[in-house]
Amino acid sequence: MKEKIRIEYVLNNVSMSILWNSIGTPAGLAGWFADSVSVNDKIYTFAWEKTLQEAILVGHRIGYYNRFRWLEDEDDRTYFEFRVSPNELTGDVTLIITDYTLPDEKGDLISLWNKQIEELKRKYGI
């Protein structure tokens, strides 16, 4: 059974619009999360080298979050989500990643997300 993980990345002095465009649009996601991203209705196709994976957009609120479920995943309770949470006092923005993994793969998944977020920061100057 997969377990839910939640990883928070505090981003200093980031524009909400730049961050949202990088996580909330196909072009933005193609800049750091996948090599390319295409959308047909609510089905997103993510491409990495020679691998394609499809996910359905199961929830979103423009400017705040996008939640996807991999079509190949048999458990319809699992998803991965990008959520932004601004801090009014500090001006910082927290990017919250929620994902599901098998217990023995948790460390690998966290390392993968850390690498992906470093790419996001580098690509968009965050």
N, C-alpha and C. Protein backbone atom coordinates (compact mmCIF):
# COMPACT_ATOMS: atom_id res chain seq x y z
N MET A 1 0.83 -1.18 0.00
CA MET A 1 0.00 0.00 0.00
C MET A 1 0.88 1.25 0.00
N LYS A 2 0.53 2.20 -0.83
CA LYS A 2 1.30 3.43 -0.93
C LYS A 2 0.99 4.36 0.23
N GLU A 3 2.01 5.13 0.60
CA GLU A 3 1.81 6.12 1.64
C GLU A 3 1.97 7.52 1.06
N LYS A 4 1.28 8.45 1.67
CA LYS A 4 1.28 9.84 1.23
C LYS A 4 2.50 10.55 1.80
N ILE A 5 3.17 11.32 0.94
CA ILE A 5 4.26 12.18 1.41
C ILE A 5 3.94 13.61 1.03
N ARG A 6 4.41 14.51 1.87
CA ARG A 6 4.21 15.94 1.63
C ARG A 6 5.55 16.61 1.87
N ILE A 7 6.03 17.33 0.85
CA ILE A 7 7.33 18.00 0.94
C ILE A 7 7.09 19.49 0.72
N GLU A 8 7.66 20.30 1.60
CA GLU A 8 7.50 21.74 1.48
C GLU A 8 8.83 22.39 1.12
N TYR A 9 8.77 23.28 0.14
CA TYR A 9 9.94 24.04 -0.29
C TYR A 9 9.62 25.52 -0.13
N VAL A 10 10.33 26.19 0.77
CA VAL A 10 10.13 27.62 0.97
C VAL A 10 10.97 28.36 -0.06
N LEU A 11 10.32 29.19 -0.84
CA LEU A 11 10.99 29.93 -1.90
C LEU A 11 10.97 31.42 -1.54
N ASN A 12 12.15 31.99 -1.44
CA ASN A 12 12.27 33.40 -1.06
C ASN A 12 12.13 34.30 -2.27
N ASN A 13 11.44 35.39 -2.09
CA ASN A 13 11.34 36.44 -3.11
C ASN A 13 10.96 35.92 -4.49
N VAL A 14 9.97 35.07 -4.54
CA VAL A 14 9.52 34.55 -5.82
C VAL A 14 8.21 35.22 -6.20
N SER A 15 8.08 35.52 -7.45
CA SER A 15 6.83 36.07 -7.97
C SER A 15 5.80 34.94 -8.04
N MET A 16 4.62 35.20 -7.49
CA MET A 16 3.55 34.19 -7.55
C MET A 16 3.21 33.84 -8.99
N SER A 17 3.21 34.83 -9.87
CA SER A 17 2.84 34.55 -11.26
C SER A 17 3.89 33.68 -11.95
N ILE A 18 5.17 33.93 -11.67
CA ILE A 18 6.23 33.09 -12.27
C ILE A 18 6.13 31.67 -11.74
N LEU A 19 5.95 31.54 -10.43
CA LEU A 19 5.84 30.20 -9.85
C LEU A 19 4.61 29.47 -10.39
N TRP A 20 3.47 30.17 -10.42
CA TRP A 20 2.27 29.51 -10.92
C TRP A 20 2.43 29.10 -12.38
N ASN A 21 3.00 29.96 -13.19
CA ASN A 21 3.21 29.59 -14.60
C ASN A 21 4.11 28.38 -14.74
N SER A 22 5.06 28.20 -13.83
CA SER A 22 5.97 27.06 -13.93
C SER A 22 5.34 25.75 -13.46
N ILE A 23 4.33 25.82 -12.61
CA ILE A 23 3.69 24.58 -12.13
C ILE A 23 2.27 24.41 -12.64
N GLY A 24 1.68 25.47 -13.17
CA GLY A 24 0.27 25.42 -13.53
C GLY A 24 -0.03 25.42 -15.00
N THR A 25 1.03 25.43 -15.84
CA THR A 25 0.82 25.43 -17.28
C THR A 25 1.64 24.32 -17.93
N PRO A 26 1.19 23.78 -19.04
CA PRO A 26 1.98 22.75 -19.73
C PRO A 26 3.37 23.25 -20.12
N ALA A 27 3.47 24.46 -20.62
CA ALA A 27 4.79 24.99 -21.01
C ALA A 27 5.69 25.13 -19.79
N GLY A 28 5.14 25.59 -18.68
CA GLY A 28 5.93 25.72 -17.47
C GLY A 28 6.40 24.38 -16.95
N LEU A 29 5.52 23.38 -16.94
CA LEU A 29 5.90 22.04 -16.49
C LEU A 29 6.97 21.42 -17.40
N ALA A 30 6.89 21.75 -18.69
CA ALA A 30 7.88 21.23 -19.64
C ALA A 30 9.25 21.86 -19.42
N GLY A 31 9.29 22.95 -18.70
CA GLY A 31 10.56 23.60 -18.42
C GLY A 31 11.38 22.95 -17.33
N TRP A 32 10.74 22.13 -16.47
CA TRP A 32 11.50 21.55 -15.35
C TRP A 32 11.02 20.16 -14.93
N PHE A 33 9.76 19.86 -15.13
CA PHE A 33 9.21 18.60 -14.64
C PHE A 33 9.33 17.48 -15.66
N ALA A 34 9.13 17.80 -16.92
CA ALA A 34 9.19 16.81 -18.00
C ALA A 34 9.86 17.44 -19.20
N ASP A 35 10.24 16.61 -20.17
CA ASP A 35 10.84 17.14 -21.39
C ASP A 35 9.79 17.86 -22.23
N SER A 36 8.58 17.33 -22.25
CA SER A 36 7.48 18.00 -22.93
C SER A 36 6.17 17.60 -22.26
N VAL A 37 5.17 18.48 -22.40
CA VAL A 37 3.87 18.24 -21.80
C VAL A 37 2.82 18.68 -22.82
N SER A 38 1.87 17.80 -23.08
CA SER A 38 0.75 18.17 -23.94
C SER A 38 -0.55 17.87 -23.20
N VAL A 39 -1.61 18.57 -23.60
CA VAL A 39 -2.88 18.43 -22.91
C VAL A 39 -3.98 18.22 -23.93
N ASN A 40 -4.86 17.28 -23.63
CA ASN A 40 -6.07 17.05 -24.41
C ASN A 40 -7.20 16.94 -23.41
N ASP A 41 -8.02 17.99 -23.33
CA ASP A 41 -9.07 18.09 -22.33
C ASP A 41 -8.41 18.09 -20.96
N LYS A 42 -8.65 17.09 -20.11
CA LYS A 42 -8.02 17.04 -18.79
C LYS A 42 -6.90 16.00 -18.70
N ILE A 43 -6.53 15.44 -19.85
CA ILE A 43 -5.48 14.42 -19.89
C ILE A 43 -4.16 15.09 -20.28
N TYR A 44 -3.19 15.00 -19.38
CA TYR A 44 -1.85 15.54 -19.61
C TYR A 44 -0.93 14.39 -19.99
N THR A 45 -0.17 14.58 -21.05
CA THR A 45 0.83 13.60 -21.44
C THR A 45 2.20 14.18 -21.15
N PHE A 46 2.92 13.51 -20.25
CA PHE A 46 4.26 13.93 -19.84
C PHE A 46 5.27 13.03 -20.56
N ALA A 47 6.25 13.65 -21.18
CA ALA A 47 7.27 12.89 -21.91
C ALA A 47 8.64 13.13 -21.30
N TRP A 48 9.36 12.03 -21.08
CA TRP A 48 10.75 12.06 -20.62
C TRP A 48 11.52 11.13 -21.55
N GLU A 49 12.46 11.68 -22.30
CA GLU A 49 13.22 10.92 -23.28
C GLU A 49 12.28 10.04 -24.09
N LYS A 50 12.29 8.72 -23.88
CA LYS A 50 11.43 7.82 -24.67
C LYS A 50 10.24 7.30 -23.86
N THR A 51 9.97 7.90 -22.72
CA THR A 51 8.89 7.46 -21.86
C THR A 51 7.75 8.46 -21.89
N LEU A 52 6.54 7.95 -22.04
CA LEU A 52 5.33 8.77 -21.97
C LEU A 52 4.48 8.29 -20.81
N GLN A 53 3.94 9.24 -20.03
CA GLN A 53 3.00 8.89 -18.98
C GLN A 53 1.85 9.87 -19.04
N GLU A 54 0.65 9.33 -18.85
CA GLU A 54 -0.53 10.18 -18.89
C GLU A 54 -1.13 10.32 -17.50
N ALA A 55 -1.60 11.52 -17.23
CA ALA A 55 -2.26 11.81 -15.95
C ALA A 55 -3.50 12.64 -16.23
N ILE A 56 -4.49 12.46 -15.40
CA ILE A 56 -5.70 13.26 -15.52
C ILE A 56 -5.67 14.34 -14.45
N LEU A 57 -6.07 15.52 -14.83
CA LEU A 57 -6.19 16.62 -13.89
C LEU A 57 -7.46 16.39 -13.09
N VAL A 58 -7.30 16.07 -11.80
CA VAL A 58 -8.47 15.72 -10.98
C VAL A 58 -8.90 16.87 -10.07
N GLY A 59 -8.11 17.91 -10.00
CA GLY A 59 -8.49 19.06 -9.20
C GLY A 59 -7.56 20.22 -9.48
N HIS A 60 -8.10 21.41 -9.45
CA HIS A 60 -7.25 22.59 -9.61
C HIS A 60 -7.98 23.85 -9.16
N ARG A 61 -7.21 24.79 -8.79
CA ARG A 61 -7.68 26.14 -8.53
C ARG A 61 -6.59 27.05 -9.06
N ILE A 62 -6.92 27.81 -10.08
CA ILE A 62 -5.93 28.63 -10.76
C ILE A 62 -5.22 29.53 -9.75
N GLY A 63 -3.90 29.49 -9.80
CA GLY A 63 -3.08 30.29 -8.91
C GLY A 63 -2.73 29.62 -7.60
N TYR A 64 -3.33 28.44 -7.33
CA TYR A 64 -3.10 27.78 -6.05
C TYR A 64 -2.63 26.33 -6.14
N TYR A 65 -3.33 25.51 -6.93
CA TYR A 65 -2.88 24.12 -6.99
C TYR A 65 -3.38 23.41 -8.25
N ASN A 66 -2.64 22.37 -8.61
CA ASN A 66 -3.03 21.41 -9.63
C ASN A 66 -2.81 20.03 -9.04
N ARG A 67 -3.83 19.17 -9.16
CA ARG A 67 -3.74 17.79 -8.66
C ARG A 67 -3.97 16.84 -9.82
N PHE A 68 -3.06 15.89 -9.97
CA PHE A 68 -3.09 14.92 -11.05
C PHE A 68 -3.15 13.50 -10.50
N ARG A 69 -3.73 12.59 -11.29
CA ARG A 69 -3.67 11.16 -10.98
C ARG A 69 -3.15 10.44 -12.21
N TRP A 70 -2.10 9.64 -12.01
CA TRP A 70 -1.57 8.87 -13.13
C TRP A 70 -2.63 7.88 -13.60
N LEU A 71 -2.86 7.81 -14.91
CA LEU A 71 -3.87 6.91 -15.45
C LEU A 71 -3.52 5.45 -15.22
N GLU A 72 -2.24 5.13 -15.20
CA GLU A 72 -1.82 3.74 -15.02
C GLU A 72 -1.91 3.28 -13.56
N ASP A 73 -2.10 4.22 -12.63
CA ASP A 73 -2.17 3.87 -11.22
C ASP A 73 -3.53 3.25 -10.92
N GLU A 74 -3.52 2.06 -10.38
CA GLU A 74 -4.76 1.33 -10.11
C GLU A 74 -5.50 1.89 -8.89
N ASP A 75 -4.78 2.55 -8.00
CA ASP A 75 -5.39 3.10 -6.80
C ASP A 75 -5.87 4.51 -7.10
N ASP A 76 -7.18 4.70 -7.19
CA ASP A 76 -7.70 6.01 -7.56
C ASP A 76 -7.70 7.01 -6.40
N ARG A 77 -7.17 6.61 -5.26
CA ARG A 77 -7.03 7.54 -4.13
C ARG A 77 -5.68 8.24 -4.14
N THR A 78 -4.76 7.81 -4.98
CA THR A 78 -3.43 8.42 -5.02
C THR A 78 -3.40 9.53 -6.06
N TYR A 79 -2.51 10.47 -5.85
CA TYR A 79 -2.37 11.60 -6.76
C TYR A 79 -1.03 12.26 -6.52
N PHE A 80 -0.68 13.21 -7.37
CA PHE A 80 0.44 14.10 -7.07
C PHE A 80 -0.07 15.51 -7.29
N GLU A 81 0.43 16.40 -6.45
CA GLU A 81 -0.13 17.75 -6.43
C GLU A 81 0.98 18.78 -6.26
N PHE A 82 0.81 19.89 -6.97
CA PHE A 82 1.63 21.08 -6.81
C PHE A 82 0.74 22.14 -6.18
N ARG A 83 1.12 22.68 -5.03
CA ARG A 83 0.31 23.68 -4.34
C ARG A 83 1.21 24.83 -3.91
N VAL A 84 0.75 26.05 -4.12
CA VAL A 84 1.49 27.22 -3.67
C VAL A 84 0.76 27.84 -2.48
N SER A 85 1.56 28.26 -1.50
CA SER A 85 1.00 28.85 -0.29
C SER A 85 1.83 30.08 0.07
N PRO A 86 1.27 31.27 -0.19
CA PRO A 86 2.02 32.49 0.13
C PRO A 86 1.98 32.81 1.62
N ASN A 87 3.06 33.39 2.12
CA ASN A 87 3.12 33.85 3.50
C ASN A 87 3.05 35.37 3.47
N GLU A 88 1.94 35.90 3.92
CA GLU A 88 1.70 37.35 3.86
C GLU A 88 2.74 38.14 4.65
N LEU A 89 3.22 37.60 5.77
CA LEU A 89 4.14 38.33 6.62
C LEU A 89 5.54 38.43 6.04
N THR A 90 6.07 37.33 5.51
CA THR A 90 7.45 37.31 5.04
C THR A 90 7.58 37.57 3.54
N GLY A 91 6.50 37.37 2.80
CA GLY A 91 6.56 37.50 1.36
C GLY A 91 7.07 36.24 0.68
N ASP A 92 7.46 35.25 1.46
CA ASP A 92 7.92 33.98 0.90
C ASP A 92 6.72 33.18 0.40
N VAL A 93 7.01 32.24 -0.46
CA VAL A 93 5.98 31.34 -0.97
C VAL A 93 6.47 29.92 -0.72
N THR A 94 5.58 29.09 -0.24
CA THR A 94 5.91 27.68 -0.05
C THR A 94 5.29 26.88 -1.17
N LEU A 95 6.12 26.09 -1.83
CA LEU A 95 5.64 25.13 -2.83
C LEU A 95 5.51 23.80 -2.12
N ILE A 96 4.31 23.27 -2.11
CA ILE A 96 4.04 22.01 -1.42
C ILE A 96 3.78 20.93 -2.46
N ILE A 97 4.59 19.89 -2.39
CA ILE A 97 4.44 18.73 -3.27
C ILE A 97 3.83 17.61 -2.45
N THR A 98 2.74 17.05 -2.94
CA THR A 98 2.13 15.88 -2.33
C THR A 98 2.21 14.75 -3.35
N ASP A 99 2.63 13.58 -2.89
CA ASP A 99 2.77 12.43 -3.78
C ASP A 99 2.55 11.17 -2.95
N TYR A 100 2.49 10.04 -3.61
CA TYR A 100 2.32 8.75 -2.95
C TYR A 100 3.42 7.81 -3.42
N THR A 101 3.89 6.98 -2.49
CA THR A 101 4.96 6.05 -2.81
C THR A 101 4.88 4.81 -1.93
N LEU A 102 5.53 3.77 -2.38
CA LEU A 102 5.69 2.58 -1.54
C LEU A 102 6.69 2.91 -0.44
N PRO A 103 6.50 2.37 0.75
CA PRO A 103 7.38 2.72 1.88
C PRO A 103 8.87 2.55 1.60
N ASP A 104 9.26 1.50 0.89
CA ASP A 104 10.68 1.28 0.64
C ASP A 104 11.24 2.17 -0.48
N GLU A 105 10.40 2.95 -1.13
CA GLU A 105 10.85 3.87 -2.19
C GLU A 105 10.74 5.33 -1.78
N LYS A 106 10.39 5.59 -0.53
CA LYS A 106 10.16 6.94 -0.05
C LYS A 106 11.40 7.82 -0.20
N GLY A 107 12.55 7.34 0.22
CA GLY A 107 13.79 8.11 0.12
C GLY A 107 14.13 8.47 -1.32
N ASP A 108 13.94 7.52 -2.23
CA ASP A 108 14.21 7.77 -3.65
C ASP A 108 13.27 8.83 -4.21
N LEU A 109 12.00 8.77 -3.83
CA LEU A 109 11.03 9.73 -4.34
C LEU A 109 11.34 11.14 -3.81
N ILE A 110 11.69 11.25 -2.55
CA ILE A 110 12.05 12.55 -2.00
C ILE A 110 13.28 13.11 -2.70
N SER A 111 14.27 12.26 -2.95
CA SER A 111 15.47 12.70 -3.69
C SER A 111 15.11 13.16 -5.09
N LEU A 112 14.20 12.45 -5.75
CA LEU A 112 13.78 12.84 -7.09
C LEU A 112 13.10 14.21 -7.06
N TRP A 113 12.20 14.42 -6.09
CA TRP A 113 11.54 15.72 -5.99
C TRP A 113 12.54 16.83 -5.68
N ASN A 114 13.49 16.55 -4.80
CA ASN A 114 14.52 17.56 -4.49
C ASN A 114 15.28 17.96 -5.75
N LYS A 115 15.62 16.97 -6.56
CA LYS A 115 16.32 17.23 -7.82
C LYS A 115 15.44 18.05 -8.77
N GLN A 116 14.18 17.68 -8.87
CA GLN A 116 13.26 18.40 -9.76
C GLN A 116 13.08 19.85 -9.31
N ILE A 117 12.96 20.07 -8.01
CA ILE A 117 12.77 21.43 -7.51
C ILE A 117 14.04 22.26 -7.71
N GLU A 118 15.20 21.65 -7.60
CA GLU A 118 16.44 22.37 -7.91
C GLU A 118 16.45 22.79 -9.38
N GLU A 119 15.95 21.93 -10.26
CA GLU A 119 15.84 22.27 -11.68
C GLU A 119 14.85 23.42 -11.88
N LEU A 120 13.74 23.38 -11.18
CA LEU A 120 12.76 24.47 -11.24
C LEU A 120 13.41 25.79 -10.83
N LYS A 121 14.13 25.77 -9.73
CA LYS A 121 14.79 26.99 -9.24
C LYS A 121 15.81 27.51 -10.25
N ARG A 122 16.59 26.60 -10.79
CA ARG A 122 17.63 26.99 -11.76
C ARG A 122 17.00 27.54 -13.03
N LYS A 123 16.00 26.85 -13.53
CA LYS A 123 15.38 27.22 -14.81
C LYS A 123 14.69 28.58 -14.74
N TYR A 124 14.02 28.83 -13.63
CA TYR A 124 13.22 30.05 -13.52
C TYR A 124 13.84 31.11 -12.61
N GLY A 125 15.08 30.89 -12.19
CA GLY A 125 15.78 31.89 -11.38
C GLY A 125 15.13 32.13 -10.02
N ILE A 126 14.60 31.09 -9.47
CA ILE A 126 13.91 31.20 -8.17
C ILE A 126 14.92 30.98 -7.05
